[in-house]
Amino acid sequence: MAKVVDAEDPMLIKRLAESRRLALVEFKSPWCSPCKDLERNILDFLEEYDCNDTIFIRVDMSRAPRAVAWFRVMNAPTLLLYREGRLVARVVKVLTPDEIAELLECSPRG
């Protein structure tokens, strides 16, 4: 089962992202409507797909300005995908659960 963590410190986020085979870092803001849509889609993805050894790191941009600067995030929502500890994708849009599964190369449950 995938693990979900909230984080604000840029060094902690970096350490967490580099600690697993797959890590998806979600930069969001509470006032951002597309961010809320993406959050729902990530939760749906977690229910529908099996993606072991994956960590989802949620970063509230309004509470983590240092992390926003460190990772050079300009827009919300932004997703950063780390594979084997290296940044391999940056996505600045709302993804559906199926698109998240494709990005992470995960298979449906069941």
Protein backbone atom coordinates (compact mmCIF):
# COMPACT_ATOMS: atom_id res chain seq x y z
CA MET A 1 0.00 0.00 0.00
CA ALA A 2 1.19 3.50 -0.79
CA LYS A 3 2.09 5.81 2.07
CA VAL A 4 0.78 9.41 2.32
CA VAL A 5 2.75 12.05 4.23
CA ASP A 6 2.28 15.79 4.78
CA ALA A 7 5.54 17.75 4.83
CA GLU A 8 6.75 21.36 4.82
CA ASP A 9 10.53 21.20 5.26
CA PRO A 10 12.35 21.05 1.90
CA MET A 11 15.11 18.76 3.19
CA LEU A 12 12.58 16.32 4.65
CA ILE A 13 10.64 16.33 1.37
CA LYS A 14 13.85 15.67 -0.58
CA ARG A 15 14.87 12.86 1.81
CA LEU A 16 11.43 11.24 1.62
CA ALA A 17 11.31 11.56 -2.17
CA GLU A 18 14.68 9.89 -2.52
CA SER A 19 13.92 7.11 -0.01
CA ARG A 20 11.50 5.03 -2.08
CA ARG A 21 11.37 3.45 -5.50
CA LEU A 22 8.60 5.91 -6.42
CA ALA A 23 7.63 9.22 -4.83
CA LEU A 24 5.00 11.69 -5.97
CA VAL A 25 5.24 15.15 -4.40
CA GLU A 26 2.04 17.17 -4.67
CA PHE A 27 2.30 20.95 -4.24
CA LYS A 28 -1.14 22.43 -3.53
CA SER A 29 -2.91 25.40 -1.94
CA PRO A 30 -6.10 25.38 0.11
CA TRP A 31 -7.68 28.14 -2.04
CA CYS A 32 -6.92 26.33 -5.32
CA SER A 33 -9.95 24.63 -6.89
CA PRO A 34 -7.89 22.48 -9.32
CA CYS A 35 -5.78 21.37 -6.33
CA LYS A 36 -8.92 20.08 -4.61
CA ASP A 37 -9.84 18.17 -7.78
CA LEU A 38 -6.37 16.65 -7.94
CA GLU A 39 -6.50 15.71 -4.25
CA ARG A 40 -9.79 13.84 -4.86
CA ASN A 41 -8.27 12.10 -7.88
CA ILE A 42 -5.22 11.02 -5.87
CA LEU A 43 -7.48 9.58 -3.15
CA ASP A 44 -9.53 7.76 -5.81
CA PHE A 45 -6.29 6.48 -7.34
CA LEU A 46 -5.20 5.10 -3.95
CA GLU A 47 -8.51 3.22 -3.69
CA GLU A 48 -8.47 1.84 -7.24
CA TYR A 49 -4.81 1.05 -7.92
CA ASP A 50 -2.04 -0.99 -6.36
CA CYS A 51 1.23 0.92 -6.19
CA ASN A 52 3.46 -0.64 -3.56
CA ASP A 53 6.59 1.06 -2.27
CA THR A 54 5.27 4.45 -3.34
CA ILE A 55 5.12 7.52 -1.13
CA PHE A 56 2.79 10.48 -1.74
CA ILE A 57 4.09 13.67 -0.20
CA ARG A 58 1.60 16.51 0.14
CA VAL A 59 2.95 20.05 0.45
CA ASP A 60 0.70 22.98 1.34
CA MET A 61 2.32 25.83 -0.59
CA SER A 62 0.94 28.49 1.77
CA ARG A 63 2.63 26.81 4.75
CA ALA A 64 5.86 25.80 3.01
CA PRO A 65 7.31 28.78 1.09
CA ARG A 66 10.87 27.45 1.50
CA ALA A 67 9.88 24.15 -0.13
CA VAL A 68 8.15 26.02 -2.96
CA ALA A 69 11.34 27.98 -3.61
CA TRP A 70 13.64 24.98 -3.17
CA PHE A 71 11.74 22.87 -5.71
CA ARG A 72 11.11 25.88 -7.99
CA VAL A 73 7.33 25.45 -8.01
CA MET A 74 5.55 28.29 -9.79
CA ASN A 75 1.96 27.03 -10.10
CA ALA A 76 -0.58 24.99 -8.20
CA PRO A 77 -1.12 22.15 -8.51
CA THR A 78 2.32 20.81 -9.36
CA LEU A 79 3.36 17.17 -9.16
CA LEU A 80 6.98 16.03 -9.01
CA LEU A 81 7.66 12.37 -9.75
CA TYR A 82 10.80 10.80 -8.33
CA ARG A 83 11.85 7.36 -9.56
CA GLU A 84 14.78 5.65 -7.83
CA GLY A 85 15.60 8.95 -6.11
CA ARG A 86 15.77 11.09 -9.25
CA LEU A 87 13.29 13.66 -10.51
CA VAL A 88 11.86 12.24 -13.75
CA ALA A 89 8.69 14.28 -14.32
CA ARG A 90 7.09 17.60 -13.44
CA VAL A 91 3.36 17.91 -14.13
CA VAL A 92 1.44 21.18 -13.75
CA LYS A 93 -2.19 20.16 -14.21
CA VAL A 94 -4.94 18.03 -12.75
CA LEU A 95 -4.53 14.34 -13.56
CA THR A 96 -7.28 11.73 -13.46
CA PRO A 97 -6.76 8.55 -11.41
CA ASP A 98 -6.00 6.67 -14.65
CA GLU A 99 -3.41 9.27 -15.68
CA ILE A 100 -1.77 9.02 -12.25
CA ALA A 101 -1.62 5.23 -12.64
CA GLU A 102 -0.05 5.61 -16.08
CA LEU A 103 2.50 8.11 -14.77
CA LEU A 104 3.45 5.78 -11.90
CA GLU A 105 3.08 2.58 -13.95
CA CYS A 106 0.68 1.03 -11.42
CA SER A 107 -1.92 -1.65 -12.02
CA PRO A 108 -5.57 -1.79 -10.93
CA ARG A 109 -6.46 -3.59 -7.70
CA GLY A 110 -8.03 -6.97 -7.96
